[in-house]
Protein backbone atom coordinates (compact mmCIF):
# COMPACT_ATOMS: atom_id res chain seq x y z
CA MET A 1 -58.30 -4.16 -16.44
CA ILE A 2 -57.59 -3.52 -20.11
CA ASN A 3 -59.55 -0.73 -21.79
CA ILE A 4 -59.04 -0.49 -25.55
CA ASP A 5 -60.44 2.70 -27.06
CA PRO A 6 -60.47 2.17 -30.85
CA LYS A 7 -59.51 5.00 -33.19
CA ARG A 8 -62.66 6.71 -34.34
CA MET A 9 -63.54 9.91 -36.18
CA ARG A 10 -65.28 12.33 -33.82
CA THR A 11 -66.20 14.77 -36.61
CA GLU A 12 -67.77 14.40 -40.07
CA GLY A 13 -65.52 13.96 -43.10
CA VAL A 14 -62.50 12.02 -44.28
CA ARG A 15 -58.98 12.21 -42.88
CA THR A 16 -55.67 10.75 -44.08
CA ASP A 17 -52.40 11.07 -42.13
CA LEU A 18 -48.96 10.22 -43.53
CA LYS A 19 -45.82 10.46 -41.39
CA ALA A 20 -42.18 9.62 -42.06
CA ALA A 21 -38.98 10.01 -40.04
CA GLY A 22 -35.34 9.02 -40.39
CA GLY A 23 -32.33 8.87 -38.15
CA SER A 24 -28.88 7.45 -37.57
CA SER A 25 -27.96 3.84 -38.40
CA SER A 26 -30.21 3.97 -41.50
CA THR A 27 -33.30 4.14 -39.29
CA PHE A 28 -36.59 4.79 -41.11
CA ILE A 29 -40.13 5.02 -39.72
CA GLU A 30 -43.30 5.44 -41.79
CA THR A 31 -47.00 5.41 -40.85
CA ALA A 32 -50.14 5.86 -42.93
CA GLU A 33 -53.68 6.06 -41.59
CA HIS A 34 -57.02 6.71 -43.28
CA ASN A 35 -60.40 7.39 -41.66
CA GLY A 36 -63.35 7.18 -44.08
CA LYS A 37 -66.88 8.50 -44.29
CA VAL A 38 -68.30 5.48 -42.49
CA ASP A 39 -66.93 4.37 -39.13
CA ASP A 40 -63.75 2.80 -40.50
CA CYS A 41 -60.01 3.20 -40.08
CA LEU A 42 -57.19 1.55 -42.05
CA GLY A 43 -53.51 1.87 -41.23
CA ARG A 44 -49.98 0.67 -41.91
CA SER A 45 -46.74 1.11 -40.01
CA PHE A 46 -43.18 0.25 -41.09
CA ARG A 47 -39.94 0.58 -39.11
CA SER A 48 -36.44 -0.51 -40.03
CA SER A 49 -32.91 0.09 -38.78
CA ASN A 50 -29.43 -1.26 -39.44
CA GLY A 51 -28.66 -0.84 -35.75
CA HIS A 52 -25.62 0.73 -34.18
CA ARG A 53 -23.75 -2.56 -33.50
CA ASP A 54 -23.52 -6.08 -34.96
CA ASN A 55 -26.78 -8.07 -35.06
CA SER A 56 -28.89 -5.13 -33.88
CA ASP A 57 -30.77 -4.55 -37.13
CA GLY A 58 -34.53 -4.90 -37.23
CA ARG A 59 -37.65 -4.53 -39.31
CA LEU A 60 -41.33 -4.28 -38.28
CA THR A 61 -44.38 -4.03 -40.52
CA ASN A 62 -47.93 -3.76 -39.15
CA TYR A 63 -51.36 -3.42 -40.77
CA PHE A 64 -54.65 -2.76 -39.01
CA GLY A 65 -58.27 -2.16 -39.85
CA LEU A 66 -61.39 -1.20 -37.93
CA MET A 67 -65.04 -1.16 -39.00
CA GLY A 68 -67.87 -0.11 -36.73
CA MET A 69 -71.46 1.03 -36.56
CA GLU A 70 -73.30 3.10 -33.98
CA LEU A 71 -76.49 1.38 -32.84
CA GLY A 72 -77.55 4.07 -30.39
CA GLU A 73 -76.29 6.95 -28.31
CA ASN A 74 -74.32 4.65 -25.97
CA LEU A 75 -74.07 1.45 -28.03
CA ASP A 76 -71.90 0.49 -30.98
CA VAL A 77 -70.47 -2.62 -32.61
CA THR A 78 -66.85 -2.63 -33.74
CA ALA A 79 -64.65 -5.20 -35.50
CA PHE A 80 -60.86 -4.80 -35.39
CA GLY A 81 -58.12 -6.78 -37.11
CA ALA A 82 -54.35 -6.53 -37.16
CA LEU A 83 -51.48 -8.25 -38.93
CA PHE A 84 -47.94 -7.95 -37.55
CA ASN A 85 -44.76 -8.69 -39.53
CA PRO A 86 -46.38 -10.51 -42.47
């Protein structure tokens, strides 16, 4: 069984998270995520590295979005989309 629990604001308001990290072999990781006033979430992730040996470099870019609406106490409708390595 696969249970996907979409990201969702549990409190009122707006929230934006930005994260970045770096490491050896010119490794860089960045993520950005925004949760709005309505039931929505937009995000981006980027990772790159030169690798520690020949032909071990890599690069990943991901985008995602979620839009939803609560129809009742135990019922909601949610649409989710993602784009990987455009």
